[in-house]
Amino acid sequence: MIVVTALLALSSCWKETPAVEEGCTYALSSLRFELVIDRAETKGIKTGWESGDKVFVFFSGVTNAYVTLSFDGSGWSSSPSSGMARLTQTGVLTAVYLPYVGNVLPEYSDGWHFAAVSESYFLKADKVEYYIVDQDHQGATLGARLAMTKANDESAQFFVPKAPEQNETMRLACNVVTPTGLAGIASDGTVTSSGGSQGAWMTGYPATVAGEEGFYFYGMIADAPGPDTYFALKDADGTYYKHYYKGNTTLLPRRSYQLPVFADWSGVGADVPANVGGYLWYSLNDGASSPLETGTPSAVQPQPSGQKLIPSKTAWEGLLDSQKAVQVPMTIDGVSGVLMVDKLAPSQYFFLHEGDYWSSATGFFFRVSPGGTCTVESGTPESAYVRAILDVSSGNIIDPINGGDI
């Protein structure tokens, strides 16, 4: 079990509930802050505070000001936002933590909102009582005890080691995970979460786990995720597209999963072959330059150059053999297709969109229907895409996650 724990100490630690006087108010900009973050029982990748971390503090009923606590690697500093907010001696606050939030600041419109980081992992301590103590009229101090916890009990975290830092952002999609993050804080202190559609991209952030650098991601597990799990990975500009499948492993909420190192994912961004159904298939259609392109359908069956071959009828049928491969209809980043997974390798590749594919056997072709059904058809299409195979065998990728916690 990994524990998130830290102490925000801007002067001495506030430890007990002090006696207060009724009727006093204090300007937010004049206060000192003594906030203790208690040990939080959270299984997660975040194990300590890092330089650049920020904790935002909001006060119920206050709509024109908040406090930013910033960590510089050794301690925290406080910075109230502009506004003439005044606080009573007792009240309620809500604190949220965002990773690597940079210069993104909350905006107020019927509550505070963090739209720019809606897909990020975060911690919260909502509706916590605070107390202000006037220390012999030499300055007032606001104290509170915060127990920072994960925002959603149905969430899980994922870590990809040794992923290359392209723009310091990676994105991960999983067919049974919905991206979730901080949507905002209501005026009464209630934290609201955001989420895209199931299978949409989750934003990842740089992290070091057990000495390995990589990226971590955060999302909600589906109510009935099923035993087949598919991941896709890319950088912010779509430079890298890799895919990864794990059968017979049901993802569970409140867990942290370490995925294989980046190099062991099946390549799709480059034309990297994948062994599926007894044949080594190229991962892109001829003429396609990215996984989200189909290429150009040809009216005349071309012959790929070099070691690339047009698949035979037997090769296409190997994809449909339930003893050899699994078909998984999938939508990633709004693009539908079918994932073909080898049962023994394990390896896989992705057919995008519907379409017909040429076979080297006259009078037969392979069809991917709009609903994701794949069949070997008799006849000759007017035009079809080309998906080639390699005429030599190759090694297998390393087996994916074993389901254990980080």
Protein backbone atom coordinates (compact mmCIF):
# COMPACT_ATOMS: atom_id res chain seq x y z
CA MET A 1 0.00 0.00 0.00
CA ILE A 2 1.35 3.41 -1.01
CA VAL A 3 0.47 6.34 1.22
CA VAL A 4 0.16 10.00 0.31
CA THR A 5 1.30 12.13 3.22
CA ALA A 6 2.67 15.64 3.59
CA LEU A 7 2.80 18.60 5.93
CA LEU A 8 1.91 22.07 4.79
CA ALA A 9 3.53 24.18 7.50
CA LEU A 10 3.76 27.87 6.84
CA SER A 11 4.60 28.58 10.47
CA SER A 12 3.90 26.26 13.41
CA CYS A 13 1.58 23.26 13.12
CA TRP A 14 -2.05 23.87 13.95
CA LYS A 15 -3.07 21.00 16.19
CA GLU A 16 -6.27 21.64 18.08
CA THR A 17 -9.59 23.41 17.61
CA PRO A 18 -9.10 26.87 19.20
CA ALA A 19 -11.66 28.97 20.99
CA VAL A 20 -13.17 31.63 18.71
CA GLU A 21 -15.02 34.89 19.12
CA GLU A 22 -18.28 35.55 17.32
CA GLY A 23 -18.69 38.41 14.85
CA CYS A 24 -15.08 38.83 13.67
CA THR A 25 -14.11 38.81 10.00
CA TYR A 26 -10.65 38.81 8.43
CA ALA A 27 -9.33 39.83 5.02
CA LEU A 28 -8.14 36.76 3.14
CA SER A 29 -5.09 38.64 1.88
CA SER A 30 -3.89 39.35 5.43
CA LEU A 31 -4.04 35.80 6.82
CA ARG A 32 -1.25 33.35 7.54
CA PHE A 33 -2.01 29.71 6.82
CA GLU A 34 -1.22 26.66 8.95
CA LEU A 35 -2.68 23.70 7.11
CA VAL A 36 -1.85 20.11 8.00
CA ILE A 37 -2.35 17.45 5.36
CA ASP A 38 -3.01 14.24 7.20
CA ARG A 39 -1.88 10.83 6.13
CA ALA A 40 -4.33 9.62 3.48
CA GLU A 41 -4.92 5.92 2.90
CA THR A 42 -4.81 6.02 -0.89
CA LYS A 43 -3.38 3.36 -3.15
CA GLY A 44 -1.77 5.43 -5.81
CA ILE A 45 1.30 6.45 -7.70
CA LYS A 46 1.68 9.83 -6.07
CA THR A 47 3.99 9.19 -3.12
CA GLY A 48 5.17 12.65 -2.17
CA TRP A 49 5.15 16.30 -3.10
CA GLU A 50 7.29 17.51 -5.99
CA SER A 51 8.45 20.93 -7.09
CA GLY A 52 5.68 22.64 -9.02
CA ASP A 53 2.83 20.93 -7.16
CA LYS A 54 -0.07 23.20 -6.24
CA VAL A 55 -2.95 22.91 -3.79
CA PHE A 56 -5.87 25.27 -4.36
CA VAL A 57 -8.00 26.24 -1.36
CA PHE A 58 -11.56 27.54 -1.76
CA PHE A 59 -13.94 28.85 0.89
CA SER A 60 -17.67 28.12 0.92
CA GLY A 61 -19.69 31.14 0.00
CA VAL A 62 -16.64 33.06 -1.25
CA THR A 63 -16.89 33.58 -5.00
CA ASN A 64 -14.22 36.17 -5.66
CA ALA A 65 -11.02 34.77 -4.13
CA TYR A 66 -9.07 31.61 -3.31
CA VAL A 67 -5.59 30.64 -2.06
CA THR A 68 -2.86 28.86 -4.01
CA LEU A 69 -0.30 26.82 -2.07
CA SER A 70 2.81 26.10 -4.15
CA PHE A 71 5.55 23.57 -3.37
CA ASP A 72 9.12 24.49 -4.36
CA GLY A 73 10.78 21.21 -3.46
CA SER A 74 11.34 21.96 0.21
CA GLY A 75 8.30 23.86 1.45
CA TRP A 76 5.06 25.59 0.63
CA SER A 77 4.20 29.23 0.01
CA SER A 78 0.73 30.74 -0.02
CA SER A 79 -0.65 33.25 -2.50
CA PRO A 80 -4.20 34.61 -2.19
CA SER A 81 -5.80 35.57 -5.47
CA SER A 82 -7.03 39.09 -6.08
CA GLY A 83 -10.35 40.02 -4.49
CA MET A 84 -11.60 41.59 -1.29
CA ALA A 85 -12.88 38.43 0.36
CA ARG A 86 -13.38 38.44 4.11
CA LEU A 87 -13.70 35.25 6.16
CA THR A 88 -15.52 34.65 9.41
CA GLN A 89 -13.60 33.05 12.25
CA THR A 90 -15.09 29.64 11.52
CA GLY A 91 -16.17 28.25 8.20
CA VAL A 92 -15.71 25.55 5.60
CA LEU A 93 -13.03 25.17 2.96
CA THR A 94 -12.28 22.73 0.16
CA ALA A 95 -8.76 21.91 -1.05
CA VAL A 96 -7.80 20.21 -4.32
CA TYR A 97 -4.43 19.05 -5.65
CA LEU A 98 -3.60 18.95 -9.36
CA PRO A 99 -0.40 17.47 -10.80
CA TYR A 100 1.82 19.67 -12.95
CA VAL A 101 -0.88 22.27 -13.34
CA GLY A 102 1.57 24.95 -14.45
CA ASN A 103 -0.03 28.32 -14.98
CA VAL A 104 -3.58 27.01 -15.28
CA LEU A 105 -5.81 28.86 -12.81
CA PRO A 106 -9.44 28.34 -11.81
CA GLU A 107 -12.10 30.60 -13.24
CA TYR A 108 -15.36 31.48 -11.55
CA SER A 109 -18.74 31.11 -13.23
CA ASP A 110 -21.42 29.79 -10.89
CA GLY A 111 -18.61 27.96 -9.10
CA TRP A 112 -14.89 27.49 -9.73
CA HIS A 113 -13.81 25.56 -12.83
CA PHE A 114 -10.60 23.91 -14.08
CA ALA A 115 -11.62 23.14 -17.65
CA ALA A 116 -8.05 23.09 -18.98
CA VAL A 117 -7.02 20.14 -16.79
CA SER A 118 -10.25 18.16 -16.81
CA GLU A 119 -8.51 14.86 -17.54
CA SER A 120 -5.91 14.95 -14.77
CA TYR A 121 -5.41 12.92 -11.64
CA PHE A 122 -6.21 14.86 -8.48
CA LEU A 123 -6.74 14.64 -4.73
CA LYS A 124 -9.33 16.47 -2.67
CA ALA A 125 -10.34 17.38 0.87
CA ASP A 126 -13.83 18.79 0.65
CA LYS A 127 -15.94 20.72 3.17
CA VAL A 128 -13.32 20.86 5.92
CA GLU A 129 -13.84 23.13 8.93
CA TYR A 130 -11.29 25.90 9.42
CA TYR A 131 -10.61 28.24 12.36
CA ILE A 132 -8.98 31.66 12.47
CA VAL A 133 -7.01 32.66 15.56
CA ASP A 134 -5.96 36.25 16.21
CA GLN A 135 -2.59 35.92 17.96
CA ASP A 136 -2.59 38.96 20.29
CA HIS A 137 -3.45 41.25 17.39
CA GLN A 138 -0.08 40.51 15.78
CA GLY A 139 -1.64 38.72 12.87
CA ALA A 140 -4.41 36.20 12.29
CA THR A 141 -3.74 32.58 11.36
CA LEU A 142 -6.12 30.24 9.55
CA GLY A 143 -5.75 26.59 10.54
CA ALA A 144 -7.31 23.40 9.23
CA ARG A 145 -6.57 19.72 8.96
CA LEU A 146 -6.87 18.21 5.47
CA ALA A 147 -7.15 14.53 4.62
CA MET A 148 -6.40 14.42 0.91
CA THR A 149 -7.99 11.45 -0.81
CA LYS A 150 -8.61 10.30 -4.35
CA ALA A 151 -11.61 11.98 -5.86
CA ASN A 152 -13.49 8.85 -6.90
CA ASP A 153 -13.60 5.40 -5.34
CA GLU A 154 -14.22 3.76 -8.72
CA SER A 155 -11.02 5.12 -10.20
CA ALA A 156 -7.71 3.43 -10.92
CA GLN A 157 -4.25 4.60 -11.91
CA PHE A 158 -1.90 3.32 -14.61
CA PHE A 159 1.84 3.76 -15.03
CA VAL A 160 3.79 3.27 -18.27
CA PRO A 161 7.56 3.05 -17.57
CA LYS A 162 10.23 4.35 -19.90
CA ALA A 163 7.83 6.19 -22.21
CA PRO A 164 9.66 8.84 -24.23
CA GLU A 165 8.96 12.41 -23.22
CA GLN A 166 7.41 14.07 -26.24
CA ASN A 167 6.13 17.49 -25.15
CA GLU A 168 6.14 15.97 -21.64
CA THR A 169 2.65 14.60 -22.25
CA MET A 170 1.40 11.16 -23.12
CA ARG A 171 -2.17 9.98 -23.59
CA LEU A 172 -3.60 6.58 -22.77
CA ALA A 173 -6.96 5.08 -23.78
CA CYS A 174 -8.53 1.91 -22.40
CA ASN A 175 -11.77 0.31 -23.54
CA VAL A 176 -13.03 -0.11 -19.93
CA VAL A 177 -11.84 3.22 -18.50
CA THR A 178 -13.47 6.67 -18.62
CA PRO A 179 -11.16 9.69 -18.21
CA THR A 180 -11.96 11.62 -15.08
CA GLY A 181 -10.59 14.75 -13.53
CA LEU A 182 -11.47 17.92 -11.72
CA ALA A 183 -14.39 19.82 -13.24
CA GLY A 184 -14.75 22.38 -10.50
CA ILE A 185 -15.81 23.36 -7.00
CA ALA A 186 -19.34 24.52 -6.30
CA SER A 187 -19.95 27.59 -4.12
CA ASP A 188 -20.85 25.30 -1.19
CA GLY A 189 -17.50 23.46 -1.46
CA THR A 190 -18.69 20.35 -3.29
CA VAL A 191 -16.09 18.94 -5.70
CA THR A 192 -17.38 17.91 -9.11
CA SER A 193 -15.58 15.52 -11.43
CA SER A 194 -15.40 15.58 -15.19
CA GLY A 195 -15.24 12.67 -17.55
CA GLY A 196 -15.17 11.95 -21.24
CA SER A 197 -16.61 8.91 -22.93
CA GLN A 198 -15.55 5.38 -22.07
CA GLY A 199 -12.42 4.56 -24.05
CA ALA A 200 -11.42 8.20 -24.58
CA TRP A 201 -7.91 9.52 -24.03
CA MET A 202 -6.56 10.11 -20.52
CA THR A 203 -3.86 12.73 -20.03
CA GLY A 204 -0.67 11.39 -18.49
CA TYR A 205 1.95 13.18 -16.44
CA PRO A 206 5.65 12.49 -15.85
CA ALA A 207 6.39 10.44 -12.74
CA THR A 208 9.09 8.23 -11.25
CA VAL A 209 7.97 4.94 -9.72
CA ALA A 210 10.43 2.56 -8.06
CA GLY A 211 13.28 4.39 -9.78
CA GLU A 212 11.73 4.16 -13.25
CA GLU A 213 10.65 7.27 -15.13
CA GLY A 214 7.43 7.18 -17.08
CA PHE A 215 3.88 8.54 -17.19
CA TYR A 216 0.86 7.92 -14.99
CA PHE A 217 -2.82 8.14 -15.89
CA TYR A 218 -6.09 8.23 -14.00
CA GLY A 219 -9.68 7.21 -14.87
CA MET A 220 -12.86 5.46 -13.72
CA ILE A 221 -13.32 1.73 -14.25
CA ALA A 222 -16.56 0.68 -15.95
CA ASP A 223 -19.26 -0.96 -13.82
CA ALA A 224 -18.81 -4.30 -15.61
CA PRO A 225 -15.44 -4.06 -17.34
CA GLY A 226 -15.22 -7.66 -18.52
CA PRO A 227 -12.08 -9.80 -18.85
CA ASP A 228 -10.64 -8.31 -22.06
CA THR A 229 -8.68 -5.08 -21.75
CA TYR A 230 -7.22 -2.99 -24.56
CA PHE A 231 -4.89 -0.01 -24.26
CA ALA A 232 -3.69 2.54 -26.81
CA LEU A 233 -0.89 5.04 -26.21
CA LYS A 234 0.21 8.19 -28.03
CA ASP A 235 1.99 11.43 -27.33
CA ALA A 236 0.37 14.87 -27.47
CA ASP A 237 1.04 15.23 -31.19
CA GLY A 238 0.15 11.65 -32.07
CA THR A 239 3.77 10.82 -32.82
CA TYR A 240 3.59 7.42 -31.11
CA TYR A 241 0.72 5.01 -31.47
CA LYS A 242 1.10 1.72 -29.68
CA HIS A 243 -1.42 -0.90 -28.68
CA TYR A 244 -1.57 -3.42 -25.92
CA TYR A 245 -4.07 -6.16 -25.07
CA LYS A 246 -4.52 -8.33 -21.99
CA GLY A 247 -7.10 -11.08 -21.93
CA ASN A 248 -8.60 -12.71 -18.84
CA THR A 249 -7.63 -9.78 -16.60
CA THR A 250 -10.49 -7.73 -15.18
CA LEU A 251 -9.40 -4.28 -14.05
CA LEU A 252 -10.51 -3.32 -10.56
CA PRO A 253 -11.13 0.13 -9.05
CA ARG A 254 -8.96 1.52 -6.26
CA ARG A 255 -5.89 -0.12 -7.78
CA SER A 256 -2.70 1.08 -9.44
CA TYR A 257 -1.48 -0.94 -12.41
CA GLN A 258 2.02 -0.93 -13.86
CA LEU A 259 1.87 -1.55 -17.62
CA PRO A 260 4.79 -2.88 -19.68
CA VAL A 261 7.64 -0.58 -20.59
CA PHE A 262 6.98 1.49 -23.68
CA ALA A 263 9.26 -0.57 -25.95
CA ASP A 264 7.26 -3.74 -25.30
CA TRP A 265 3.99 -2.37 -26.65
CA SER A 266 2.95 -3.35 -30.19
CA GLY A 267 3.93 -0.59 -32.56
CA VAL A 268 1.29 0.90 -34.80
CA GLY A 269 2.61 4.39 -35.49
CA ALA A 270 5.46 2.86 -37.47
CA ASP A 271 4.83 -0.12 -39.73
CA VAL A 272 5.82 -2.73 -37.15
CA PRO A 273 4.64 -6.30 -37.86
CA ALA A 274 2.48 -8.19 -35.37
CA ASN A 275 2.11 -11.98 -35.18
CA VAL A 276 -1.62 -12.77 -35.23
CA GLY A 277 -3.39 -15.98 -36.27
CA GLY A 278 -0.21 -17.66 -37.40
CA TYR A 279 0.96 -14.88 -39.74
CA LEU A 280 3.09 -11.80 -39.28
CA TRP A 281 0.89 -8.85 -40.30
CA TYR A 282 1.94 -5.31 -41.03
CA SER A 283 0.14 -2.91 -38.74
CA LEU A 284 -0.90 -0.28 -41.30
CA ASN A 285 -2.73 -0.41 -44.59
CA ASP A 286 -0.59 0.33 -47.61
CA GLY A 287 -0.65 4.07 -48.24
CA ALA A 288 -1.51 4.96 -44.63
CA SER A 289 0.92 7.04 -42.61
CA SER A 290 -0.82 6.81 -39.22
CA PRO A 291 -3.13 4.42 -37.36
CA LEU A 292 -6.08 6.77 -37.97
CA GLU A 293 -5.73 6.55 -41.77
CA THR A 294 -7.10 3.79 -43.97
CA GLY A 295 -4.82 4.41 -46.91
CA THR A 296 -6.16 4.53 -50.46
CA PRO A 297 -8.32 1.65 -51.72
CA SER A 298 -7.08 0.17 -54.99
CA ALA A 299 -9.19 -0.97 -57.91
CA VAL A 300 -6.43 -3.34 -59.03
CA GLN A 301 -4.86 -5.69 -56.55
CA PRO A 302 -1.26 -4.48 -56.10
CA GLN A 303 1.68 -6.63 -55.12
CA PRO A 304 3.61 -5.09 -52.17
CA SER A 305 7.34 -4.83 -52.66
CA GLY A 306 10.09 -6.63 -50.78
CA GLN A 307 9.00 -9.17 -48.17
CA LYS A 308 5.39 -7.89 -48.04
CA LEU A 309 2.80 -10.27 -49.45
CA ILE A 310 -0.93 -10.05 -50.15
CA PRO A 311 -2.67 -12.32 -47.57
CA SER A 312 -4.06 -15.60 -48.79
CA LYS A 313 -7.60 -16.78 -48.09
CA THR A 314 -6.09 -19.06 -45.41
CA ALA A 315 -4.31 -16.13 -43.78
CA TRP A 316 -7.54 -14.14 -43.56
CA GLU A 317 -9.37 -17.15 -42.17
CA GLY A 318 -6.67 -17.44 -39.50
CA LEU A 319 -7.89 -14.14 -38.08
CA LEU A 320 -11.39 -15.60 -37.74
CA ASP A 321 -10.28 -18.86 -36.11
CA SER A 322 -11.44 -18.60 -32.48
CA GLN A 323 -8.71 -21.06 -31.47
CA LYS A 324 -6.03 -18.69 -32.77
CA ALA A 325 -7.28 -15.13 -32.40
CA VAL A 326 -9.83 -12.89 -30.69
CA GLN A 327 -11.77 -10.06 -32.35
CA VAL A 328 -12.44 -7.05 -30.13
CA PRO A 329 -14.63 -4.24 -31.59
CA MET A 330 -13.14 -1.00 -30.31
CA THR A 331 -13.50 2.78 -30.55
CA ILE A 332 -10.44 4.84 -29.66
CA ASP A 333 -10.45 8.62 -29.89
CA GLY A 334 -13.69 8.49 -31.85
CA VAL A 335 -12.33 6.07 -34.47
CA SER A 336 -14.03 2.68 -34.69
CA GLY A 337 -12.36 -0.54 -35.69
CA VAL A 338 -11.55 -4.11 -34.69
CA LEU A 339 -8.60 -5.27 -32.63
CA MET A 340 -7.19 -8.62 -33.74
CA VAL A 341 -5.47 -10.39 -30.85
CA ASP A 342 -3.33 -13.51 -31.07
CA LYS A 343 -4.04 -15.98 -28.27
CA LEU A 344 -0.54 -17.33 -27.98
CA ALA A 345 1.93 -14.52 -28.78
CA PRO A 346 0.43 -12.31 -27.22
CA SER A 347 0.37 -9.59 -29.86
CA GLN A 348 -2.25 -7.64 -31.72
CA TYR A 349 -3.01 -5.03 -34.32
CA PHE A 350 -5.93 -2.81 -35.23
CA PHE A 351 -8.23 -2.61 -38.28
CA LEU A 352 -9.59 0.92 -38.52
CA HIS A 353 -12.94 1.77 -40.08
CA GLU A 354 -15.08 -0.47 -42.26
CA GLY A 355 -13.74 -1.64 -45.61
CA ASP A 356 -12.82 -4.49 -47.90
CA TYR A 357 -9.31 -5.99 -48.18
CA TRP A 358 -7.68 -7.78 -51.08
CA SER A 359 -6.78 -11.47 -50.94
CA SER A 360 -4.21 -13.23 -53.10
CA ALA A 361 -6.82 -15.91 -53.77
CA THR A 362 -8.96 -14.95 -56.78
CA GLY A 363 -12.63 -14.56 -55.94
CA PHE A 364 -12.21 -13.95 -52.20
CA PHE A 365 -11.75 -10.86 -50.05
CA PHE A 366 -11.84 -9.86 -46.38
CA ARG A 367 -14.56 -7.51 -45.11
CA VAL A 368 -14.73 -5.38 -41.95
CA SER A 369 -18.36 -4.35 -41.50
CA PRO A 370 -19.38 -1.01 -39.90
CA GLY A 371 -20.46 -2.82 -36.73
CA GLY A 372 -17.07 -4.51 -36.36
CA THR A 373 -17.95 -7.94 -37.78
CA CYS A 374 -15.18 -9.51 -39.88
CA THR A 375 -15.83 -12.09 -42.61
CA VAL A 376 -14.17 -13.76 -45.59
CA GLU A 377 -16.43 -13.10 -48.58
CA SER A 378 -16.60 -14.69 -52.01
CA GLY A 379 -16.59 -12.44 -55.06
CA THR A 380 -14.49 -9.53 -56.25
CA PRO A 381 -14.94 -6.01 -54.85
CA GLU A 382 -14.69 -2.97 -57.13
CA SER A 383 -11.89 -1.69 -54.93
CA ALA A 384 -10.27 -2.71 -51.65
CA TYR A 385 -7.53 -1.77 -49.21
CA VAL A 386 -4.23 -3.62 -48.94
CA ARG A 387 -3.06 -5.09 -45.62
CA ALA A 388 0.15 -7.06 -46.15
CA ILE A 389 1.85 -9.91 -44.33
CA LEU A 390 5.54 -10.70 -43.93
CA ASP A 391 6.95 -13.90 -45.37
CA VAL A 392 9.11 -14.70 -42.33
CA SER A 393 8.25 -15.25 -38.67
CA SER A 394 9.31 -13.03 -35.79
CA GLY A 395 9.55 -13.08 -32.00
CA ASN A 396 6.76 -12.17 -29.62
CA ILE A 397 6.30 -9.15 -27.40
CA ILE A 398 6.64 -9.42 -23.66
CA ASP A 399 3.48 -10.37 -21.76
CA PRO A 400 1.51 -7.41 -20.40
CA ILE A 401 0.30 -6.55 -16.92
CA ASN A 402 -0.06 -9.23 -14.30
CA GLY A 403 -2.81 -7.35 -12.47
CA GLY A 404 -0.76 -6.56 -9.37
CA ASP A 405 -0.60 -3.23 -7.60
CA ILE A 406 2.38 -0.97 -7.98
